[in-house]
């Protein structure tokens, strides 16, 4: 299971820094957090903390490759 969320942060004083953290979706400056949890919910496999807000969820953790088994129901 892949879980991503954004948390509002204080607006940076420098204009270049502001551009890095401004999230148009949230209309605020944010940090993005991502957790990868095993399906049973007992184990946290990986945590990415404090990425700049405008990144999409899938690019926050580029090492992930999603594969579906033939038993998966979508």
Protein backbone atom coordinates (compact mmCIF):
# COMPACT_ATOMS: atom_id res chain seq x y z
CA UNK A 1 0.00 0.00 0.00
CA UNK A 2 1.32 3.43 -0.92
CA UNK A 3 0.12 6.32 1.23
CA UNK A 4 1.02 9.95 0.44
CA UNK A 5 0.01 13.18 2.13
CA UNK A 6 1.03 16.83 2.21
CA UNK A 7 1.57 18.98 5.25
CA UNK A 8 1.49 22.79 5.15
CA UNK A 9 4.78 24.45 6.03
CA UNK A 10 5.81 28.02 6.71
CA UNK A 11 6.29 30.13 3.58
CA UNK A 12 10.03 30.39 2.77
CA UNK A 13 11.43 33.93 2.61
CA UNK A 14 13.44 33.42 -0.59
CA UNK A 15 11.51 33.47 -3.90
CA UNK A 16 13.46 30.51 -5.35
CA UNK A 17 12.71 28.45 -2.24
CA UNK A 18 9.02 29.39 -2.44
CA UNK A 19 8.78 27.98 -5.97
CA UNK A 20 10.14 24.61 -4.78
CA UNK A 21 7.52 24.17 -2.08
CA UNK A 22 4.38 25.76 -3.54
CA UNK A 23 1.66 23.20 -4.23
CA UNK A 24 -1.03 24.40 -6.63
CA UNK A 25 -3.31 21.57 -5.49
CA UNK A 26 -3.23 22.75 -1.87
CA UNK A 27 -2.71 26.46 -2.73
CA UNK A 28 -0.03 26.59 -0.07
CA UNK A 29 3.61 25.77 0.61
CA UNK A 30 3.84 22.11 1.58
CA UNK A 31 6.07 19.17 2.36
CA UNK A 32 5.12 15.77 0.98
CA UNK A 33 5.38 12.55 2.96
CA UNK A 34 5.02 9.02 1.66
CA UNK A 35 4.77 5.66 3.40
CA UNK A 36 4.93 2.22 1.87
CA UNK A 37 3.08 -0.31 4.02
CA UNK A 38 2.64 -4.04 3.51
CA UNK A 39 -0.96 -5.05 2.69
CA UNK A 40 -1.68 -6.51 6.14
CA UNK A 41 -0.80 -3.09 7.66
CA UNK A 42 1.61 -4.47 10.24
CA UNK A 43 4.90 -3.41 8.62
CA UNK A 44 6.07 -0.04 7.31
CA UNK A 45 8.53 -0.83 4.54
CA UNK A 46 9.76 2.67 3.64
CA UNK A 47 9.17 6.33 4.55
CA UNK A 48 10.02 9.38 2.45
CA UNK A 49 9.75 12.57 4.50
CA UNK A 50 9.92 16.24 3.62
CA UNK A 51 9.95 16.24 -0.18
CA UNK A 52 8.90 19.54 -1.81
CA UNK A 53 5.10 19.73 -2.17
CA UNK A 54 4.60 20.08 -5.94
CA UNK A 55 6.00 16.61 -6.72
CA UNK A 56 3.42 14.04 -7.75
CA UNK A 57 2.91 11.01 -5.52
CA UNK A 58 4.52 8.55 -7.93
CA UNK A 59 7.66 10.68 -8.49
CA UNK A 60 8.24 11.08 -4.75
CA UNK A 61 9.57 7.54 -4.68
CA UNK A 62 10.89 6.64 -8.17
CA UNK A 63 12.38 3.32 -7.05
CA UNK A 64 8.93 1.75 -6.78
CA UNK A 65 7.80 -0.48 -9.59
CA UNK A 66 4.19 -1.54 -9.34
CA UNK A 67 3.32 -5.04 -10.44
CA UNK A 68 -0.04 -6.70 -10.16
CA UNK A 69 -0.52 -10.37 -9.64
CA UNK A 70 -3.13 -12.26 -11.63
CA UNK A 71 -5.17 -12.50 -8.40
CA UNK A 72 -5.43 -8.71 -8.01
CA UNK A 73 -8.88 -7.18 -8.38
CA UNK A 74 -9.11 -3.62 -9.65
